[in-house]
Structures are given as C-alpha cells and as structure tokens.
Amino acid sequence: MPLKKVSSEEFIKIVKKESGLDLSKPSMTIHVGPYFEWDREKKDFKKPKLVVTRELGRKNKEDK
C-alpha cells in the first residue's frame, strides 16, 4: 500500500469527512518515522521499521 503525502489541512478534512471528528484544535502530535534496531552480531543496523508515535499535551492541575 503506497503512502500519500498530504498537508495538515487535507488531513483534517479527510478525518472530519470519514469519522466526524473535528481536529481544528489538535490535542496531540503524531510523528511517523523509521526505527533502526542495532544488530549486535553483525555490528550494523537492521532494516528500519515504521513507527508511529503520539505526543499528548500535558494537562495542568488547574485544568482538572
């Protein structure tokens, strides 16, 4: 399955159309990138794995 590069505005429109979620005020950051694992026997990196990481914003005590 090929990946398609989309802008953040296009992504917001796609998500709103498909799931009905309003992402105009995002509460988290999503990062998609490679993860390289070290092979101890060959002393080299293994083939990279695709990893999706999300960072949630911190909640203040005052917001609770």
PDB file of N, CA and C in Angstrom:
ATOM      1  N   MET A   1       0.841  -1.178   0.000  1.00  0.00           N
ATOM      2  CA  MET A   1       0.000   0.000   0.000  1.00  0.00           C
ATOM      3  C   MET A   1       0.885   1.240   0.000  1.00  0.00           C
ATOM      4  N   PRO A   2       0.801   2.076  -1.018  1.00  0.00           N
ATOM      5  CA  PRO A   2       1.630   3.274  -1.066  1.00  0.00           C
ATOM      6  C   PRO A   2       1.112   4.342  -0.094  1.00  0.00           C
ATOM      7  N   LEU A   3       2.033   5.118   0.430  1.00  0.00           N
ATOM      8  CA  LEU A   3       1.676   6.221   1.310  1.00  0.00           C
ATOM      9  C   LEU A   3       1.555   7.496   0.489  1.00  0.00           C
ATOM     10  N   LYS A   4       0.610   8.316   0.834  1.00  0.00           N
ATOM     11  CA  LYS A   4       0.393   9.576   0.118  1.00  0.00           C
ATOM     12  C   LYS A   4       0.686  10.729   1.070  1.00  0.00           C
ATOM     13  N   LYS A   5       1.469  11.677   0.589  1.00  0.00           N
ATOM     14  CA  LYS A   5       1.794  12.844   1.406  1.00  0.00           C
ATOM     15  C   LYS A   5       0.653  13.856   1.290  1.00  0.00           C
ATOM     16  N   VAL A   6       0.090  14.239   2.446  1.00  0.00           N
ATOM     17  CA  VAL A   6      -0.996  15.214   2.470  1.00  0.00           C
ATOM     18  C   VAL A   6      -0.639  16.323   3.437  1.00  0.00           C
ATOM     19  N   SER A   7      -1.188  17.489   3.191  1.00  0.00           N
ATOM     20  CA  SER A   7      -0.957  18.614   4.103  1.00  0.00           C
ATOM     21  C   SER A   7      -1.833  18.448   5.337  1.00  0.00           C
ATOM     22  N   SER A   8      -1.554  19.238   6.347  1.00  0.00           N
ATOM     23  CA  SER A   8      -2.332  19.127   7.588  1.00  0.00           C
ATOM     24  C   SER A   8      -3.782  19.526   7.365  1.00  0.00           C
ATOM     25  N   GLU A   9      -4.022  20.506   6.485  1.00  0.00           N
ATOM     26  CA  GLU A   9      -5.397  20.917   6.199  1.00  0.00           C
ATOM     27  C   GLU A   9      -6.172  19.792   5.512  1.00  0.00           C
ATOM     28  N   GLU A  10      -5.514  19.112   4.558  1.00  0.00           N
ATOM     29  CA  GLU A  10      -6.162  17.995   3.880  1.00  0.00           C
ATOM     30  C   GLU A  10      -6.451  16.856   4.849  1.00  0.00           C
ATOM     31  N   PHE A  11      -5.504  16.577   5.769  1.00  0.00           N
ATOM     32  CA  PHE A  11      -5.685  15.521   6.757  1.00  0.00           C
ATOM     33  C   PHE A  11      -6.884  15.811   7.654  1.00  0.00           C
ATOM     34  N   ILE A  12      -7.018  17.062   8.082  1.00  0.00           N
ATOM     35  CA  ILE A  12      -8.150  17.459   8.934  1.00  0.00           C
ATOM     36  C   ILE A  12      -9.461  17.253   8.192  1.00  0.00           C
ATOM     37  N   LYS A  13      -9.504  17.622   6.905  1.00  0.00           N
ATOM     38  CA  LYS A  13     -10.725  17.439   6.110  1.00  0.00           C
ATOM     39  C   LYS A  13     -11.064  15.964   5.938  1.00  0.00           C
ATOM     40  N   ILE A  14     -10.043  15.131   5.678  1.00  0.00           N
ATOM     41  CA  ILE A  14     -10.271  13.698   5.492  1.00  0.00           C
ATOM     42  C   ILE A  14     -10.818  13.061   6.764  1.00  0.00           C
ATOM     43  N   VAL A  15     -10.218  13.384   7.909  1.00  0.00           N
ATOM     44  CA  VAL A  15     -10.661  12.809   9.185  1.00  0.00           C
ATOM     45  C   VAL A  15     -12.071  13.271   9.518  1.00  0.00           C
ATOM     46  N   LYS A  16     -12.367  14.545   9.276  1.00  0.00           N
ATOM     47  CA  LYS A  16     -13.698  15.062   9.567  1.00  0.00           C
ATOM     48  C   LYS A  16     -14.744  14.379   8.684  1.00  0.00           C
ATOM     49  N   LYS A  17     -14.399  14.145   7.412  1.00  0.00           N
ATOM     50  CA  LYS A  17     -15.325  13.501   6.484  1.00  0.00           C
ATOM     51  C   LYS A  17     -15.548  12.040   6.848  1.00  0.00           C
ATOM     52  N   GLU A  18     -14.470  11.309   7.175  1.00  0.00           N
ATOM     53  CA  GLU A  18     -14.568   9.873   7.423  1.00  0.00           C
ATOM     54  C   GLU A  18     -15.138   9.529   8.795  1.00  0.00           C
ATOM     55  N   SER A  19     -14.698  10.259   9.836  1.00  0.00           N
ATOM     56  CA  SER A  19     -15.101   9.858  11.186  1.00  0.00           C
ATOM     57  C   SER A  19     -15.946  10.893  11.919  1.00  0.00           C
ATOM     58  N   GLY A  20     -16.043  12.085  11.383  1.00  0.00           N
ATOM     59  CA  GLY A  20     -16.840  13.107  12.043  1.00  0.00           C
ATOM     60  C   GLY A  20     -16.117  13.834  13.155  1.00  0.00           C
ATOM     61  N   LEU A  21     -14.820  13.540  13.365  1.00  0.00           N
ATOM     62  CA  LEU A  21     -14.057  14.215  14.410  1.00  0.00           C
ATOM     63  C   LEU A  21     -13.603  15.586  13.934  1.00  0.00           C
ATOM     64  N   ASP A  22     -13.665  16.565  14.816  1.00  0.00           N
ATOM     65  CA  ASP A  22     -13.204  17.909  14.474  1.00  0.00           C
ATOM     66  C   ASP A  22     -11.796  18.085  15.024  1.00  0.00           C
ATOM     67  N   LEU A  23     -10.812  18.151  14.138  1.00  0.00           N
ATOM     68  CA  LEU A  23      -9.417  18.288  14.549  1.00  0.00           C
ATOM     69  C   LEU A  23      -8.898  19.713  14.384  1.00  0.00           C
ATOM     70  N   SER A  24      -9.802  20.686  14.394  1.00  0.00           N
ATOM     71  CA  SER A  24      -9.357  22.060  14.220  1.00  0.00           C
ATOM     72  C   SER A  24      -8.522  22.519  15.418  1.00  0.00           C
ATOM     73  N   LYS A  25      -8.719  21.880  16.579  1.00  0.00           N
ATOM     74  CA  LYS A  25      -7.918  22.176  17.774  1.00  0.00           C
ATOM     75  C   LYS A  25      -7.241  20.878  18.210  1.00  0.00           C
ATOM     76  N   PRO A  26      -6.098  20.543  17.608  1.00  0.00           N
ATOM     77  CA  PRO A  26      -5.454  19.267  17.936  1.00  0.00           C
ATOM     78  C   PRO A  26      -4.942  19.228  19.367  1.00  0.00           C
ATOM     79  N   SER A  27      -5.087  18.078  20.003  1.00  0.00           N
ATOM     80  CA  SER A  27      -4.634  17.907  21.381  1.00  0.00           C
ATOM     81  C   SER A  27      -3.406  17.012  21.467  1.00  0.00           C
ATOM     82  N   MET A  28      -2.909  16.534  20.300  1.00  0.00           N
ATOM     83  CA  MET A  28      -1.729  15.694  20.315  1.00  0.00           C
ATOM     84  C   MET A  28      -0.960  15.859  19.009  1.00  0.00           C
ATOM     85  N   THR A  29       0.299  15.442  19.032  1.00  0.00           N
ATOM     86  CA  THR A  29       1.158  15.476  17.865  1.00  0.00           C
ATOM     87  C   THR A  29       1.483  14.052  17.463  1.00  0.00           C
ATOM     88  N   ILE A  30       1.375  13.743  16.189  1.00  0.00           N
ATOM     89  CA  ILE A  30       1.670  12.408  15.691  1.00  0.00           C
ATOM     90  C   ILE A  30       2.925  12.476  14.830  1.00  0.00           C
ATOM     91  N   HIS A  31       3.874  11.578  15.106  1.00  0.00           N
ATOM     92  CA  HIS A  31       5.113  11.506  14.339  1.00  0.00           C
ATOM     93  C   HIS A  31       5.231  10.126  13.721  1.00  0.00           C
ATOM     94  N   VAL A  32       5.478  10.081  12.422  1.00  0.00           N
ATOM     95  CA  VAL A  32       5.678   8.816  11.715  1.00  0.00           C
ATOM     96  C   VAL A  32       7.111   8.801  11.222  1.00  0.00           C
ATOM     97  N   GLY A  33       7.866   7.785  11.605  1.00  0.00           N
ATOM     98  CA  GLY A  33       9.255   7.734  11.187  1.00  0.00           C
ATOM     99  C   GLY A  33       9.859   6.352  11.346  1.00  0.00           C
ATOM    100  N   PRO A  34      11.102   6.209  10.912  1.00  0.00           N
ATOM    101  CA  PRO A  34      11.759   4.907  10.989  1.00  0.00           C
ATOM    102  C   PRO A  34      12.362   4.638  12.373  1.00  0.00           C
ATOM    103  N   TYR A  35      12.472   3.369  12.729  1.00  0.00           N
ATOM    104  CA  TYR A  35      13.160   2.930  13.948  1.00  0.00           C
ATOM    105  C   TYR A  35      14.234   1.942  13.512  1.00  0.00           C
ATOM    106  N   PHE A  36      15.465   2.251  13.843  1.00  0.00           N
ATOM    107  CA  PHE A  36      16.588   1.399  13.462  1.00  0.00           C
ATOM    108  C   PHE A  36      17.046   0.599  14.677  1.00  0.00           C
ATOM    109  N   GLU A  37      17.003  -0.734  14.568  1.00  0.00           N
ATOM    110  CA  GLU A  37      17.428  -1.609  15.663  1.00  0.00           C
ATOM    111  C   GLU A  37      18.861  -2.067  15.397  1.00  0.00           C
ATOM    112  N   TRP A  38      19.698  -2.076  16.432  1.00  0.00           N
ATOM    113  CA  TRP A  38      21.106  -2.445  16.309  1.00  0.00           C
ATOM    114  C   TRP A  38      21.255  -3.962  16.357  1.00  0.00           C
ATOM    115  N   ASP A  39      21.955  -4.527  15.386  1.00  0.00           N
ATOM    116  CA  ASP A  39      22.228  -5.959  15.337  1.00  0.00           C
ATOM    117  C   ASP A  39      23.601  -6.185  15.976  1.00  0.00           C
ATOM    118  N   ARG A  40      23.632  -6.812  17.148  1.00  0.00           N
ATOM    119  CA  ARG A  40      24.890  -6.994  17.884  1.00  0.00           C
ATOM    120  C   ARG A  40      25.853  -7.951  17.197  1.00  0.00           C
ATOM    121  N   GLU A  41      25.320  -8.960  16.507  1.00  0.00           N
ATOM    122  CA  GLU A  41      26.179  -9.942  15.851  1.00  0.00           C
ATOM    123  C   GLU A  41      26.876  -9.359  14.623  1.00  0.00           C
ATOM    124  N   LYS A  42      26.133  -8.662  13.791  1.00  0.00           N
ATOM    125  CA  LYS A  42      26.700  -8.113  12.558  1.00  0.00           C
ATOM    126  C   LYS A  42      27.320  -6.731  12.760  1.00  0.00           C
ATOM    127  N   LYS A  43      27.102  -6.132  13.931  1.00  0.00           N
ATOM    128  CA  LYS A  43      27.600  -4.784  14.237  1.00  0.00           C
ATOM    129  C   LYS A  43      27.094  -3.765  13.213  1.00  0.00           C
ATOM    130  N   ASP A  44      25.812  -3.865  12.914  1.00  0.00           N
ATOM    131  CA  ASP A  44      25.201  -2.967  11.941  1.00  0.00           C
ATOM    132  C   ASP A  44      23.719  -2.815  12.290  1.00  0.00           C
ATOM    133  N   PHE A  45      23.083  -1.820  11.700  1.00  0.00           N
ATOM    134  CA  PHE A  45      21.662  -1.618  11.924  1.00  0.00           C
ATOM    135  C   PHE A  45      20.847  -2.587  11.079  1.00  0.00           C
ATOM    136  N   LYS A  46      19.733  -3.057  11.652  1.00  0.00           N
ATOM    137  CA  LYS A  46      18.809  -3.910  10.913  1.00  0.00           C
ATOM    138  C   LYS A  46      17.949  -3.032  10.012  1.00  0.00           C
ATOM    139  N   LYS A  47      17.140  -3.668   9.192  1.00  0.00           N
ATOM    140  CA  LYS A  47      16.239  -2.944   8.309  1.00  0.00           C
ATOM    141  C   LYS A  47      15.294  -2.081   9.153  1.00  0.00           C
ATOM    142  N   PRO A  48      15.061  -0.822   8.778  1.00  0.00           N
ATOM    143  CA  PRO A  48      14.222   0.054   9.604  1.00  0.00           C
ATOM    144  C   PRO A  48      12.764  -0.389   9.640  1.00  0.00           C
ATOM    145  N   LYS A  49      12.136  -0.142  10.797  1.00  0.00           N
ATOM    146  CA  LYS A  49      10.715  -0.435  10.989  1.00  0.00           C
ATOM    147  C   LYS A  49       9.966   0.892  11.034  1.00  0.00           C
ATOM    148  N   LEU A  50       8.762   0.914  10.512  1.00  0.00           N
ATOM    149  CA  LEU A  50       7.927   2.103  10.552  1.00  0.00           C
ATOM    150  C   LEU A  50       7.271   2.207  11.925  1.00  0.00           C
ATOM    151  N   VAL A  51       7.430   3.347  12.580  1.00  0.00           N
ATOM    152  CA  VAL A  51       6.906   3.541  13.922  1.00  0.00           C
ATOM    153  C   VAL A  51       6.049   4.805  13.948  1.00  0.00           C
ATOM    154  N   VAL A  52       4.897   4.718  14.603  1.00  0.00           N
ATOM    155  CA  VAL A  52       4.021   5.866  14.783  1.00  0.00           C
ATOM    156  C   VAL A  52       4.030   6.223  16.268  1.00  0.00           C
ATOM    157  N   THR A  53       4.391   7.460  16.556  1.00  0.00           N
ATOM    158  CA  THR A  53       4.480   7.926  17.934  1.00  0.00           C
ATOM    159  C   THR A  53       3.522   9.095  18.123  1.00  0.00           C
ATOM    160  N   ARG A  54       2.848   9.131  19.242  1.00  0.00           N
ATOM    161  CA  ARG A  54       1.986  10.278  19.523  1.00  0.00           C
ATOM    162  C   ARG A  54       2.413  10.927  20.817  1.00  0.00           C
ATOM    163  N   GLU A  55       2.384  12.237  20.815  1.00  0.00           N
ATOM    164  CA  GLU A  55       2.726  13.005  22.000  1.00  0.00           C
ATOM    165  C   GLU A  55       1.479  13.751  22.442  1.00  0.00           C
ATOM    166  N   LEU A  56       1.038  13.475  23.642  1.00  0.00           N
ATOM    167  CA  LEU A  56      -0.132  14.150  24.188  1.00  0.00           C
ATOM    168  C   LEU A  56       0.312  15.388  24.943  1.00  0.00           C
ATOM    169  N   GLY A  57      -0.483  16.433  24.855  1.00  0.00           N
ATOM    170  CA  GLY A  57      -0.182  17.645  25.603  1.00  0.00           C
ATOM    171  C   GLY A  57      -0.363  17.414  27.089  1.00  0.00           C
ATOM    172  N   ARG A  58       0.444  18.092  27.877  1.00  0.00           N
ATOM    173  CA  ARG A  58       0.324  17.941  29.332  1.00  0.00           C
ATOM    174  C   ARG A  58      -0.889  18.689  29.847  1.00  0.00           C
ATOM    175  N   LYS A  59      -1.530  18.087  30.830  1.00  0.00           N
ATOM    176  CA  LYS A  59      -2.671  18.734  31.459  1.00  0.00           C
ATOM    177  C   LYS A  59      -2.210  19.402  32.745  1.00  0.00           C
ATOM    178  N   ASN A  60      -2.591  20.616  32.921  1.00  0.00           N
ATOM    179  CA  ASN A  60      -2.241  21.344  34.143  1.00  0.00           C
ATOM    180  C   ASN A  60      -3.184  20.931  35.275  1.00  0.00           C
ATOM    181  N   LYS A  61      -2.733  21.079  36.493  1.00  0.00           N
ATOM    182  CA  LYS A  61      -3.573  20.756  37.641  1.00  0.00           C
ATOM    183  C   LYS A  61      -4.789  21.683  37.683  1.00  0.00           C
ATOM    184  N   GLU A  62      -4.609  22.908  37.169  1.00  0.00           N
ATOM    185  CA  GLU A  62      -5.707  23.875  37.191  1.00  0.00           C
ATOM    186  C   GLU A  62      -6.826  23.482  36.224  1.00  0.00           C
ATOM    187  N   ASP A  63      -6.480  22.718  35.151  1.00  0.00           N
ATOM    188  CA  ASP A  63      -7.474  22.329  34.168  1.00  0.00           C
ATOM    189  C   ASP A  63      -8.395  21.225  34.656  1.00  0.00           C
ATOM    190  N   LYS A  64      -8.001  20.467  35.665  1.00  0.00           N
ATOM    191  CA  LYS A  64      -8.815  19.351  36.170  1.00  0.00           C
ATOM    192  C   LYS A  64      -9.982  19.799  36.926  1.00  0.00           C
TER     193      LYS A  64
END
